[in-house]
Amino acid sequence: MILLVKPEAADSGFSLDMALKTEPLELEYIKAMLKEYDVESMIYEASFDRRSFDEIFNEYTPVAVAVTGYITQEKLMLSYARRAKALLPGCVTIIGGSHAQLNPERFFDPAVSYICRSDNIYAIAEALRAEGLIPPENGFCPPELSVIDGLCYPENGGWHKNPMKPFDLNKLPIPDRSTFSTYQDHYRYLDVSPVALLKTSSSCPYHCAFCYGRELNCGTYCQRDLEKIIEELETIPCSNIQITDDDFLFDVPRLKEFMRLLRERNIRKTFICYGRSDFIAVHEDLIRELAEAGFRYIMVGLEAVSDSFLDSYQKHSSQSLNIKTIRMLQKYSIHLVGLFIIDSRFKKEDFRKMRRFIHAHRITYTGVSIFTPIPGTALFNEYRDRLTTDNCEKWDFMHLVVKPECMSRFHFYFEYYLLVMDLFRIAQKAGIYSFLRLEDYKNIFLKLLFTDSFKPWTRR
């Protein structure tokens, strides 16, 4: 038995988990892959399973535990590996996921057996084969660890990092969604529930300065064949689909063919995806077709309300394109989810300008994230000497990890609080976010305002 663990949300004071709860798609791919080798596995959804990790572990006594997660869950991921080793010292522990892919050094820990960095989930099977947990293929000897794609493992008192190769997503199996079926009522995207995930590409074809996704899969943009996507889509027991690609709206012929296949197979779903304003603004006919095909929510990185900030992010967009995008999506009754960056260079007036822009253009669904250079990106290296904490749980886009340039922490957080509370009022007036309580968010923000604002900087 292999135990696949999706940790609970980190306790950072905030949690996007209140509004965004996603199925464990990475682990569902791995579960399906292990089936190909006749290896039994189960997914432990720590947020929803009423049993503790210890109870699950003692019931099934897994020979290996694989844990995935994001940067804010780093401590949790390590804690699961350590607990598995404490319960069964011979248990093989594997760490993976997007954070580990670019920052494996964060997991160089005695309790970790392997770090699987590659998008290639079959590297996990090779590591298990090297451990003797999967029989040798066609009678051949188990593989040498040194040849397994992207694998990190202890060696001679240190850690060895194998080279990593881009992975062809067309080799992925159809994910095993038995876990989704068990917990589907818990999975949501804002007001949409239940929601299943669909992966149609990896990495990103653009080069925004702050983007983490661009660096994944060795920085190689890879699209899945449409027939494979449609085949998977037909197996998903859910009418709401969130496409996980960093940017789904990119390849016009491919999008048209995707919509043709939806019509041909009579697939009727509600779709959620990411798109860019410089694409949306100049493809009105395509946006109309997308609306007719069931696209109801498009997340757009508007990022800023001034061209100077957009230029600094290498966004290759403009305020005029953003405005055109807003109007176009409203015209075709597609909900715009406007994503904005609260920059560390903000002054009081910049917060006010953003509020006025959102009000003026009647944007009801918004996400406002504090500027956060993510480890593994070039931007992180640029800001490395200006970081104020090494607590990974603060990398939730709602805490300051870079000292504000023009305001005190308290005044920065205070303006952020006013902005977010105002956006909640807009949403409530529009009749959305009914599943959230404004009072809960008020308490969270006030705690942040009067605790984090006055804590000393904890530098590396």
Protein backbone atom coordinates (compact mmCIF):
# COMPACT_ATOMS: atom_id res chain seq x y z
CA MET A 1 0.00 0.00 0.00
CA ILE A 2 1.23 3.47 -0.94
CA LEU A 3 -0.30 6.35 1.02
CA LEU A 4 -0.67 9.59 -0.97
CA VAL A 5 -1.09 12.66 1.25
CA LYS A 6 -2.65 16.02 0.47
CA PRO A 7 -2.00 18.16 3.58
CA GLU A 8 -4.51 20.48 5.18
CA ALA A 9 -4.20 24.26 4.68
CA ALA A 10 -1.34 25.88 6.57
CA ASP A 11 -2.27 27.83 9.68
CA SER A 12 -1.00 31.23 8.59
CA GLY A 13 -3.92 33.29 9.88
CA PHE A 14 -5.35 33.42 6.38
CA SER A 15 -6.57 30.70 4.13
CA LEU A 16 -7.71 30.90 0.53
CA ASP A 17 -9.04 27.44 1.38
CA MET A 18 -12.22 29.18 2.54
CA ALA A 19 -13.00 30.17 -1.06
CA LEU A 20 -10.91 27.78 -3.13
CA LYS A 21 -10.90 24.07 -2.32
CA THR A 22 -9.38 21.94 -5.06
CA GLU A 23 -9.39 18.22 -5.68
CA PRO A 24 -6.00 16.45 -5.30
CA LEU A 25 -5.44 16.13 -9.06
CA GLU A 26 -1.68 15.49 -8.81
CA LEU A 27 -2.28 12.56 -6.48
CA GLU A 28 -5.15 11.25 -8.62
CA TYR A 29 -2.75 11.02 -11.56
CA ILE A 30 -0.24 9.18 -9.37
CA LYS A 31 -2.93 6.81 -8.08
CA ALA A 32 -3.92 5.98 -11.66
CA MET A 33 -0.26 5.51 -12.62
CA LEU A 34 0.34 3.10 -9.72
CA LYS A 35 -2.66 1.05 -10.86
CA GLU A 36 -0.77 0.37 -14.08
CA TYR A 37 1.80 -1.47 -11.94
CA ASP A 38 -0.88 -3.26 -9.87
CA VAL A 39 0.19 -1.23 -6.83
CA GLU A 40 -2.55 -0.40 -4.36
CA SER A 41 -2.71 3.18 -3.09
CA MET A 42 -5.06 5.55 -1.31
CA ILE A 43 -5.30 9.31 -1.05
CA TYR A 44 -5.46 10.89 2.39
CA GLU A 45 -7.37 14.19 2.14
CA ALA A 46 -6.25 15.68 5.44
CA SER A 47 -8.73 18.58 5.24
CA PHE A 48 -11.79 16.35 5.00
CA ASP A 49 -10.98 12.86 6.28
CA ARG A 50 -12.19 12.51 9.85
CA ARG A 51 -9.45 10.02 10.60
CA SER A 52 -6.04 11.21 11.72
CA PHE A 53 -2.89 10.43 9.76
CA ASP A 54 -1.81 8.04 12.53
CA GLU A 55 -5.12 6.16 12.33
CA ILE A 56 -4.82 5.81 8.56
CA PHE A 57 -1.17 4.78 8.82
CA ASN A 58 -1.77 2.17 11.51
CA GLU A 59 -4.76 0.74 9.66
CA TYR A 60 -2.99 0.28 6.31
CA THR A 61 0.72 0.18 7.31
CA PRO A 62 1.91 1.70 4.00
CA VAL A 63 5.34 0.77 2.69
CA ALA A 64 5.67 4.27 1.23
CA VAL A 65 4.15 7.71 1.84
CA ALA A 66 4.15 10.39 -0.88
CA VAL A 67 3.27 13.98 0.08
CA THR A 68 2.56 16.95 -2.16
CA GLY A 69 1.80 20.59 -1.38
CA TYR A 70 2.47 24.27 -1.95
CA ILE A 71 5.04 26.55 -0.36
CA THR A 72 2.78 27.45 2.58
CA GLN A 73 2.47 23.73 3.36
CA GLU A 74 6.21 23.06 3.47
CA LYS A 75 6.30 22.45 7.24
CA LEU A 76 3.24 20.22 7.03
CA MET A 77 4.79 18.18 4.22
CA LEU A 78 7.92 17.59 6.26
CA SER A 79 5.87 16.80 9.36
CA TYR A 80 4.04 14.00 7.51
CA ALA A 81 7.35 12.52 6.33
CA ARG A 82 8.76 12.67 9.85
CA ARG A 83 5.65 11.13 11.35
CA ALA A 84 5.69 8.29 8.83
CA LYS A 85 9.31 7.52 9.74
CA ALA A 86 8.45 7.65 13.45
CA LEU A 87 5.60 5.19 12.98
CA LEU A 88 7.58 2.88 10.69
CA PRO A 89 11.31 3.63 10.33
CA GLY A 90 11.54 1.54 7.15
CA CYS A 91 8.77 3.47 5.39
CA VAL A 92 9.88 5.16 2.14
CA THR A 93 8.94 8.85 2.17
CA ILE A 94 8.60 10.86 -1.04
CA ILE A 95 8.09 14.61 -1.42
CA GLY A 96 6.77 16.17 -4.64
CA GLY A 97 4.70 19.00 -6.04
CA SER A 98 5.33 22.41 -7.58
CA HIS A 99 7.19 23.86 -4.58
CA ALA A 100 9.55 20.90 -4.33
CA GLN A 101 10.17 20.96 -8.08
CA LEU A 102 12.02 24.28 -7.98
CA ASN A 103 13.09 24.32 -4.33
CA PRO A 104 14.15 20.76 -3.45
CA GLU A 105 16.76 22.01 -0.98
CA ARG A 106 13.95 23.01 1.36
CA PHE A 107 13.24 19.29 1.83
CA PHE A 108 16.75 17.99 2.41
CA ASP A 109 15.75 16.31 5.66
CA PRO A 110 16.70 12.98 7.29
CA ALA A 111 13.04 11.93 7.25
CA VAL A 112 12.80 12.29 3.46
CA SER A 113 13.82 9.35 1.29
CA TYR A 114 13.32 10.96 -2.12
CA ILE A 115 12.28 14.26 -3.66
CA CYS A 116 10.60 13.85 -7.05
CA ARG A 117 11.06 17.14 -8.90
CA SER A 118 9.92 16.21 -12.39
CA ASP A 119 6.42 16.54 -13.83
CA ASN A 120 7.11 12.95 -14.89
CA ILE A 121 5.03 10.98 -12.38
CA TYR A 122 6.57 7.76 -13.65
CA ALA A 123 9.80 8.80 -11.89
CA ILE A 124 7.95 7.97 -8.67
CA ALA A 125 7.35 4.43 -9.93
CA GLU A 126 11.05 4.15 -10.81
CA ALA A 127 12.05 5.21 -7.30
CA LEU A 128 9.65 2.64 -5.84
CA ARG A 129 11.07 0.04 -8.21
CA ALA A 130 14.60 0.88 -7.02
CA GLU A 131 13.34 0.24 -3.47
CA GLY A 132 11.96 -3.15 -4.51
CA LEU A 133 8.36 -2.01 -3.97
CA ILE A 134 7.47 -2.49 -7.65
CA PRO A 135 8.72 -5.61 -9.48
CA PRO A 136 11.47 -5.10 -12.08
CA GLU A 137 10.13 -4.44 -15.56
CA ASN A 138 10.38 -7.39 -17.97
CA GLY A 139 12.78 -9.14 -15.61
CA PHE A 140 15.42 -6.38 -15.83
CA CYS A 141 17.31 -5.18 -12.77
CA PRO A 142 15.86 -2.21 -10.83
CA PRO A 143 17.03 1.15 -12.17
CA GLU A 144 20.01 3.01 -10.72
CA LEU A 145 18.86 6.02 -8.73
CA SER A 146 21.21 8.23 -10.71
CA VAL A 147 19.24 7.76 -13.94
CA ILE A 148 15.77 8.57 -12.59
CA ASP A 149 14.41 11.82 -14.01
CA GLY A 150 14.77 14.74 -11.60
CA LEU A 151 15.17 12.56 -8.50
CA CYS A 152 16.91 13.92 -5.39
CA TYR A 153 18.20 11.45 -2.82
CA PRO A 154 20.70 11.26 0.08
CA GLU A 155 24.23 10.29 -0.93
CA ASN A 156 27.55 10.32 0.95
CA GLY A 157 26.27 12.52 3.74
CA GLY A 158 24.71 15.03 1.34
CA TRP A 159 22.05 15.11 -1.37
CA HIS A 160 22.34 14.24 -5.04
CA LYS A 161 20.17 16.06 -7.63
CA ASN A 162 19.55 14.26 -10.91
CA PRO A 163 19.04 16.34 -14.06
CA MET A 164 15.42 17.02 -14.92
CA LYS A 165 13.85 16.72 -18.37
CA PRO A 166 10.65 18.26 -19.77
CA PHE A 167 7.74 15.82 -19.54
CA ASP A 168 5.24 15.13 -22.31
CA LEU A 169 1.80 15.50 -20.68
CA ASN A 170 0.32 13.13 -23.24
CA LYS A 171 1.87 10.30 -21.27
CA LEU A 172 -0.37 11.03 -18.29
CA PRO A 173 -3.07 8.46 -17.52
CA ILE A 174 -6.72 9.33 -16.93
CA PRO A 175 -6.72 10.32 -13.25
CA ASP A 176 -8.38 8.10 -10.67
CA ARG A 177 -11.14 10.35 -9.31
CA SER A 178 -12.47 8.06 -6.60
CA THR A 179 -11.31 10.57 -3.98
CA PHE A 180 -13.10 13.36 -5.83
CA SER A 181 -16.30 11.33 -5.81
CA THR A 182 -16.00 10.87 -2.03
CA TYR A 183 -15.45 14.53 -1.19
CA GLN A 184 -16.88 16.38 -4.19
CA ASP A 185 -19.29 18.47 -2.10
CA HIS A 186 -16.24 20.09 -0.46
CA TYR A 187 -14.53 21.21 -3.67
CA ARG A 188 -15.35 24.72 -4.80
CA TYR A 189 -14.22 27.72 -6.79
CA LEU A 190 -15.79 30.81 -5.24
CA ASP A 191 -19.57 30.39 -5.73
CA VAL A 192 -19.23 27.30 -7.91
CA SER A 193 -19.43 23.89 -6.22
CA PRO A 194 -18.62 21.11 -6.77
CA VAL A 195 -15.70 21.76 -9.11
CA ALA A 196 -13.33 19.27 -10.77
CA LEU A 197 -9.91 20.13 -12.19
CA LEU A 198 -8.67 19.59 -15.75
CA LYS A 199 -5.03 19.98 -16.81
CA THR A 200 -4.50 20.70 -20.52
CA SER A 201 -0.96 22.14 -20.51
CA SER A 202 2.08 22.68 -18.31
CA SER A 203 4.32 25.70 -17.76
CA CYS A 204 3.31 28.93 -19.54
CA PRO A 205 4.11 30.49 -22.92
CA TYR A 206 4.55 33.98 -21.41
CA HIS A 207 7.32 35.55 -19.31
CA CYS A 208 5.77 37.63 -16.52
CA ALA A 209 8.45 38.59 -14.01
CA PHE A 210 6.57 37.27 -10.97
CA CYS A 211 5.29 33.99 -12.46
CA TYR A 212 6.19 30.69 -10.82
CA GLY A 213 4.28 28.52 -13.27
CA ARG A 214 6.53 29.60 -16.15
CA GLU A 215 9.48 27.81 -14.49
CA LEU A 216 7.74 24.45 -14.10
CA ASN A 217 8.43 21.48 -16.40
CA CYS A 218 11.94 22.87 -17.02
CA GLY A 219 10.33 26.05 -18.36
CA THR A 220 8.98 24.08 -21.34
CA TYR A 221 5.41 24.83 -22.40
CA CYS A 222 3.63 21.58 -23.30
CA GLN A 223 0.04 21.08 -24.48
CA ARG A 224 -1.93 17.86 -24.21
CA ASP A 225 -3.57 16.45 -27.31
CA LEU A 226 -7.18 17.56 -27.53
CA GLU A 227 -8.47 14.03 -28.03
CA LYS A 228 -6.89 12.99 -24.72
CA ILE A 229 -8.39 16.03 -23.01
CA ILE A 230 -11.86 15.24 -24.36
CA GLU A 231 -11.45 11.59 -23.37
CA GLU A 232 -10.68 12.65 -19.80
CA LEU A 233 -13.41 15.28 -19.76
CA GLU A 234 -16.00 12.62 -20.63
CA THR A 235 -15.00 10.65 -17.51
CA ILE A 236 -15.32 13.53 -15.03
CA PRO A 237 -18.45 13.11 -12.87
CA CYS A 238 -19.00 16.84 -12.43
CA SER A 239 -20.68 19.60 -14.43
CA ASN A 240 -18.24 22.33 -13.32
CA ILE A 241 -14.66 22.22 -14.63
CA GLN A 242 -11.76 24.44 -13.61
CA ILE A 243 -8.96 24.34 -16.18
CA THR A 244 -5.72 24.59 -14.22
CA ASP A 245 -3.46 25.93 -16.99
CA ASP A 246 -1.60 29.14 -16.17
CA ASP A 247 -3.09 30.44 -19.41
CA PHE A 248 -5.72 28.48 -21.29
CA LEU A 249 -6.53 31.28 -23.76
CA PHE A 250 -3.44 31.16 -25.95
CA ASP A 251 -3.68 29.06 -29.11
CA VAL A 252 -6.66 30.21 -31.22
CA PRO A 253 -6.87 27.20 -33.60
CA ARG A 254 -6.61 24.85 -30.64
CA LEU A 255 -9.37 26.68 -28.76
CA LYS A 256 -11.65 26.53 -31.80
CA GLU A 257 -10.99 22.81 -32.20
CA PHE A 258 -11.63 22.27 -28.49
CA MET A 259 -15.03 23.94 -28.81
CA ARG A 260 -15.81 21.96 -31.96
CA LEU A 261 -15.11 18.72 -30.10
CA LEU A 262 -17.34 19.82 -27.21
CA ARG A 263 -20.19 20.32 -29.66
CA GLU A 264 -19.47 17.09 -31.53
CA ARG A 265 -19.41 15.01 -28.32
CA ASN A 266 -22.35 16.95 -26.85
CA ILE A 267 -20.32 17.85 -23.75
CA ARG A 268 -22.08 20.50 -21.70
CA LYS A 269 -20.10 21.83 -18.77
CA THR A 270 -19.49 25.09 -16.97
CA PHE A 271 -15.84 26.07 -17.47
CA ILE A 272 -13.48 28.24 -15.42
CA CYS A 273 -10.08 29.21 -16.82
CA TYR A 274 -7.24 31.74 -16.83
CA GLY A 275 -6.73 34.23 -19.65
CA ARG A 276 -4.73 37.38 -20.40
CA SER A 277 -6.21 40.78 -21.17
CA ASP A 278 -3.96 41.32 -24.21
CA PHE A 279 -5.48 38.14 -25.70
CA ILE A 280 -9.09 38.66 -24.69
CA ALA A 281 -9.22 42.28 -25.83
CA VAL A 282 -8.41 41.42 -29.46
CA HIS A 283 -10.42 38.19 -29.88
CA GLU A 284 -14.06 39.21 -29.47
CA ASP A 285 -15.47 36.54 -31.82
CA LEU A 286 -13.60 33.84 -29.92
CA ILE A 287 -14.80 35.15 -26.55
CA ARG A 288 -18.39 35.02 -27.81
CA GLU A 289 -17.86 31.39 -28.87
CA LEU A 290 -16.34 30.55 -25.49
CA ALA A 291 -19.37 32.00 -23.74
CA GLU A 292 -21.63 29.84 -25.92
CA ALA A 293 -19.48 26.78 -25.10
CA GLY A 294 -20.02 27.19 -21.36
CA PHE A 295 -17.13 29.37 -20.19
CA ARG A 296 -18.63 31.31 -17.29
CA TYR A 297 -15.62 32.48 -15.24
CA ILE A 298 -12.32 33.76 -16.63
CA MET A 299 -9.55 34.72 -14.23
CA VAL A 300 -7.56 37.63 -15.65
CA GLY A 301 -4.34 39.00 -14.19
CA LEU A 302 -5.23 42.67 -14.51
CA GLU A 303 -2.48 43.14 -11.88
CA ALA A 304 -2.38 46.95 -11.79
CA VAL A 305 -4.32 50.09 -12.65
CA SER A 306 -1.37 51.99 -14.11
CA ASP A 307 0.85 51.25 -17.08
CA SER A 308 4.02 51.93 -15.08
CA PHE A 309 3.32 49.04 -12.69
CA LEU A 310 2.24 46.77 -15.57
CA ASP A 311 5.50 47.50 -17.38
CA SER A 312 7.53 46.66 -14.27
CA TYR A 313 5.87 43.23 -14.18
CA GLN A 314 6.79 42.60 -17.85
CA LYS A 315 3.09 42.05 -18.41
CA HIS A 316 3.05 43.40 -22.00
CA SER A 317 -0.42 44.76 -21.35
CA SER A 318 -1.90 48.17 -20.59
CA GLN A 319 -4.71 49.80 -18.69
CA SER A 320 -6.61 50.37 -21.94
CA LEU A 321 -6.42 46.64 -22.80
CA ASN A 322 -7.58 45.78 -19.29
CA ILE A 323 -10.60 48.06 -19.63
CA LYS A 324 -11.46 46.61 -23.03
CA THR A 325 -11.23 43.10 -21.56
CA ILE A 326 -13.53 43.99 -18.66
CA ARG A 327 -16.16 45.41 -21.01
CA MET A 328 -15.95 42.47 -23.41
CA LEU A 329 -16.42 39.81 -20.73
CA GLN A 330 -19.33 41.77 -19.28
CA LYS A 331 -20.85 42.03 -22.76
CA TYR A 332 -20.92 38.23 -23.14
CA SER A 333 -22.00 37.53 -19.54
CA ILE A 334 -18.72 35.91 -18.55
CA HIS A 335 -17.76 36.58 -14.95
CA LEU A 336 -14.42 38.35 -14.83
CA VAL A 337 -12.33 37.37 -11.81
CA GLY A 338 -9.97 40.34 -11.67
CA LEU A 339 -6.62 39.52 -10.07
CA PHE A 340 -4.58 42.46 -8.73
CA ILE A 341 -1.16 42.86 -7.11
CA ILE A 342 -0.74 45.07 -4.04
CA ASP A 343 2.81 46.22 -4.70
CA SER A 344 5.39 46.82 -1.96
CA ARG A 345 5.97 50.22 -3.61
CA PHE A 346 2.36 51.29 -2.98
CA LYS A 347 1.54 54.60 -1.38
CA LYS A 348 -1.81 55.42 0.18
CA GLU A 349 -3.04 56.89 -3.08
CA ASP A 350 -2.24 53.66 -4.98
CA PHE A 351 -4.65 51.74 -2.77
CA ARG A 352 -7.31 54.38 -3.40
CA LYS A 353 -6.73 54.30 -7.17
CA MET A 354 -7.27 50.55 -7.19
CA ARG A 355 -10.50 50.88 -5.23
CA ARG A 356 -11.76 53.58 -7.60
CA PHE A 357 -10.86 51.47 -10.66
CA ILE A 358 -12.70 48.41 -9.35
CA HIS A 359 -15.77 50.49 -8.47
CA ALA A 360 -15.75 52.38 -11.78
CA HIS A 361 -15.66 49.18 -13.84
CA ARG A 362 -18.10 47.21 -11.66
CA ILE A 363 -15.75 44.29 -10.98
CA THR A 364 -17.48 42.08 -8.43
CA TYR A 365 -15.15 39.05 -8.35
CA THR A 366 -11.67 40.18 -7.32
CA GLY A 367 -8.50 38.78 -5.86
CA VAL A 368 -5.97 41.19 -4.37
CA SER A 369 -2.59 39.66 -3.52
CA ILE A 370 0.30 41.31 -1.73
CA PHE A 371 3.42 41.34 -3.91
CA THR A 372 5.30 38.10 -3.13
CA PRO A 373 8.49 37.02 -4.90
CA ILE A 374 8.28 33.22 -5.00
CA PRO A 375 11.36 31.06 -4.37
CA GLY A 376 12.43 29.49 -7.65
CA THR A 377 11.78 32.59 -9.77
CA ALA A 378 14.24 35.24 -10.97
CA LEU A 379 12.21 37.80 -9.04
CA PHE A 380 12.97 35.99 -5.79
CA ASN A 381 16.69 36.30 -6.41
CA GLU A 382 16.25 40.00 -7.15
CA TYR A 383 14.52 40.55 -3.80
CA ARG A 384 16.47 38.00 -1.76
CA ASP A 385 18.33 40.63 0.28
CA ARG A 386 15.09 42.51 1.02
CA LEU A 387 13.09 39.58 2.38
CA THR A 388 11.82 40.04 5.90
CA THR A 389 11.03 36.45 6.86
CA ASP A 390 11.89 32.88 5.98
CA ASN A 391 8.64 31.50 7.41
CA CYS A 392 7.18 29.67 4.42
CA GLU A 393 3.65 29.93 5.82
CA LYS A 394 3.78 33.69 5.18
CA TRP A 395 4.11 33.09 1.42
CA ASP A 396 0.31 33.06 1.07
CA PHE A 397 0.07 36.36 -0.89
CA MET A 398 -1.65 37.93 2.10
CA HIS A 399 1.40 38.72 4.24
CA LEU A 400 4.26 41.10 3.69
CA VAL A 401 7.46 39.19 2.96
CA VAL A 402 9.17 42.27 1.48
CA LYS A 403 9.36 45.50 3.48
CA PRO A 404 7.06 48.21 2.06
CA GLU A 405 9.05 51.01 0.47
CA CYS A 406 6.74 53.97 1.11
CA MET A 407 4.66 53.04 4.17
CA SER A 408 5.02 51.45 7.56
CA ARG A 409 3.82 47.87 7.90
CA PHE A 410 0.88 49.01 9.99
CA HIS A 411 -0.29 51.61 7.50
CA PHE A 412 0.25 49.23 4.56
CA TYR A 413 -1.84 46.53 6.24
CA PHE A 414 -4.45 49.11 7.25
CA GLU A 415 -4.93 50.26 3.65
CA TYR A 416 -5.00 46.64 2.53
CA TYR A 417 -7.68 45.94 5.14
CA LEU A 418 -9.80 48.87 3.94
CA LEU A 419 -9.47 47.71 0.33
CA VAL A 420 -10.42 44.09 1.03
CA MET A 421 -13.37 45.05 3.23
CA ASP A 422 -14.60 47.36 0.49
CA LEU A 423 -14.32 44.57 -2.08
CA PHE A 424 -16.32 42.27 0.19
CA ARG A 425 -19.07 44.86 0.40
CA ILE A 426 -19.14 45.07 -3.41
CA ALA A 427 -19.41 41.27 -3.59
CA GLN A 428 -22.13 41.06 -0.96
CA LYS A 429 -24.13 43.80 -2.66
CA ALA A 430 -23.91 41.76 -5.88
CA GLY A 431 -25.21 38.70 -4.01
CA ILE A 432 -22.01 36.62 -4.28
CA TYR A 433 -19.70 35.00 -1.71
CA SER A 434 -22.71 34.02 0.38
CA PHE A 435 -20.69 31.09 1.74
CA LEU A 436 -18.25 33.52 3.43
CA ARG A 437 -18.89 35.57 6.55
CA LEU A 438 -17.60 39.12 6.42
CA GLU A 439 -17.20 39.08 10.20
CA ASP A 440 -14.73 36.19 9.98
CA TYR A 441 -12.56 38.08 7.52
CA LYS A 442 -12.75 41.24 9.60
CA ASN A 443 -11.42 39.36 12.61
CA ILE A 444 -8.62 37.78 10.58
CA PHE A 445 -7.54 41.12 9.13
CA LEU A 446 -7.71 42.92 12.47
CA LYS A 447 -5.55 40.21 14.03
CA LEU A 448 -3.07 40.65 11.20
CA LEU A 449 -3.15 44.43 11.56
CA PHE A 450 -2.35 44.41 15.25
CA THR A 451 0.01 41.42 15.44
CA ASP A 452 2.01 41.00 12.25
CA SER A 453 2.41 44.77 11.91
CA PHE A 454 4.42 45.02 15.09
CA LYS A 455 6.38 41.79 15.03
CA PRO A 456 10.14 42.19 14.49
CA TRP A 457 11.43 41.25 11.05
CA THR A 458 12.80 37.69 11.06
CA ARG A 459 15.46 37.75 8.41
CA ARG A 460 17.34 34.80 6.98
